[in-house]
Amino acid sequence: MANQTISGGVVHALPDDLRHTLQADSAMLAQWEDITPLARNEWICWIEDAKKQAIRQGRITRARENLTAGKRRPCCWPGCPHRERTGKA
């Protein structure tokens, strides 16, 4: 299972700690693969934005809970500041 290909985001690569959580939870992984690359990018950026390890782990836990509940994006996250904006609606 360690060699399983799991999709990343449009700007951010999938971090190892999130990869391990996805590999361990088939419901979370199924939802992860069902969302868009942009949505995956938002989850990754939100998790990587945490400055402290405890906050990061909490965000990974919340991501698992929210994704398995069917949520497609992190709540109250303004979006990844690292991706280029086109200005198109």
Protein backbone atom coordinates (compact mmCIF):
# COMPACT_ATOMS: atom_id res chain seq x y z
CA MET A 1 0.00 0.00 0.00
CA ALA A 2 3.00 2.32 0.47
CA ASN A 3 3.40 2.48 -3.32
CA GLN A 4 -0.23 3.46 -3.89
CA THR A 5 -0.59 6.55 -6.05
CA ILE A 6 -2.59 9.24 -4.27
CA SER A 7 -3.43 12.49 -6.01
CA GLY A 8 -1.98 15.79 -4.82
CA GLY A 9 -3.03 19.38 -5.41
CA VAL A 10 -2.43 21.84 -8.21
CA VAL A 11 0.41 23.63 -6.39
CA HIS A 12 1.15 21.56 -3.30
CA ALA A 13 2.52 18.03 -3.25
CA LEU A 14 0.90 15.58 -0.88
CA PRO A 15 2.80 15.63 2.45
CA ASP A 16 3.79 12.30 3.99
CA ASP A 17 1.71 12.67 7.17
CA LEU A 18 -1.46 13.31 5.16
CA ARG A 19 -0.56 10.48 2.75
CA HIS A 20 -0.29 8.03 5.67
CA THR A 21 -3.67 9.13 7.03
CA LEU A 22 -5.28 8.72 3.61
CA GLN A 23 -3.75 5.26 3.19
CA ALA A 24 -5.11 4.20 6.58
CA ASP A 25 -8.70 5.35 5.94
CA SER A 26 -10.39 4.03 2.81
CA ALA A 27 -13.47 6.28 3.18
CA MET A 28 -11.28 9.36 3.45
CA LEU A 29 -9.19 8.24 0.48
CA ALA A 30 -12.28 7.62 -1.67
CA GLN A 31 -13.56 11.14 -0.98
CA TRP A 32 -10.05 12.58 -1.52
CA GLU A 33 -9.85 11.05 -4.97
CA ASP A 34 -13.39 12.25 -5.77
CA ILE A 35 -12.68 15.95 -5.12
CA THR A 36 -11.00 18.23 -7.65
CA PRO A 37 -7.24 18.87 -7.71
CA LEU A 38 -7.99 22.45 -6.62
CA ALA A 39 -9.98 21.21 -3.62
CA ARG A 40 -7.16 18.79 -2.69
CA ASN A 41 -4.77 21.72 -2.95
CA GLU A 42 -6.89 23.70 -0.48
CA TRP A 43 -6.79 20.86 2.07
CA ILE A 44 -3.03 20.47 1.71
CA CYS A 45 -2.37 24.21 2.00
CA TRP A 46 -4.64 24.48 5.04
CA ILE A 47 -2.79 21.64 6.76
CA GLU A 48 0.65 22.95 5.83
CA ASP A 49 -0.26 26.44 7.04
CA ALA A 50 -0.24 25.21 10.65
CA LYS A 51 2.86 26.47 12.46
CA LYS A 52 2.80 23.97 15.34
CA GLN A 53 2.84 20.19 14.99
CA ALA A 54 -0.13 19.80 17.35
CA ILE A 55 -2.23 22.16 15.21
CA ARG A 56 -1.15 20.33 12.06
CA GLN A 57 -2.17 16.97 13.53
CA GLY A 58 -5.49 18.47 14.59
CA ARG A 59 -6.08 19.71 11.05
CA ILE A 60 -5.32 16.30 9.62
CA THR A 61 -7.85 14.81 12.05
CA ARG A 62 -10.43 17.44 11.07
CA ALA A 63 -9.71 16.78 7.38
CA ARG A 64 -10.40 13.07 7.93
CA GLU A 65 -13.64 13.83 9.78
CA ASN A 66 -14.81 16.41 7.25
CA LEU A 67 -13.88 14.45 4.14
CA THR A 68 -15.55 11.27 5.38
CA ALA A 69 -18.63 13.40 6.15
CA GLY A 70 -18.68 14.48 2.50
CA LYS A 71 -17.21 17.97 2.80
CA ARG A 72 -15.14 18.95 -0.20
CA ARG A 73 -13.20 21.98 1.10
CA PRO A 74 -11.81 23.15 4.45
CA CYS A 75 -14.31 25.37 6.27
CA CYS A 76 -13.48 29.04 6.65
CA TRP A 77 -10.27 28.84 4.58
CA PRO A 78 -9.87 31.81 2.20
CA GLY A 79 -8.00 29.64 -0.29
CA CYS A 80 -4.43 28.82 -1.16
CA PRO A 81 -2.36 32.01 -1.41
CA HIS A 82 0.33 30.10 -3.34
CA ARG A 83 -1.55 29.45 -6.56
CA GLU A 84 -1.71 31.95 -9.35
CA ARG A 85 -5.02 33.77 -9.72
CA THR A 86 -6.31 34.37 -13.21
CA GLY A 87 -8.97 36.93 -12.31
CA LYS A 88 -11.52 35.01 -14.36
CA ALA A 89 -14.94 34.39 -12.84
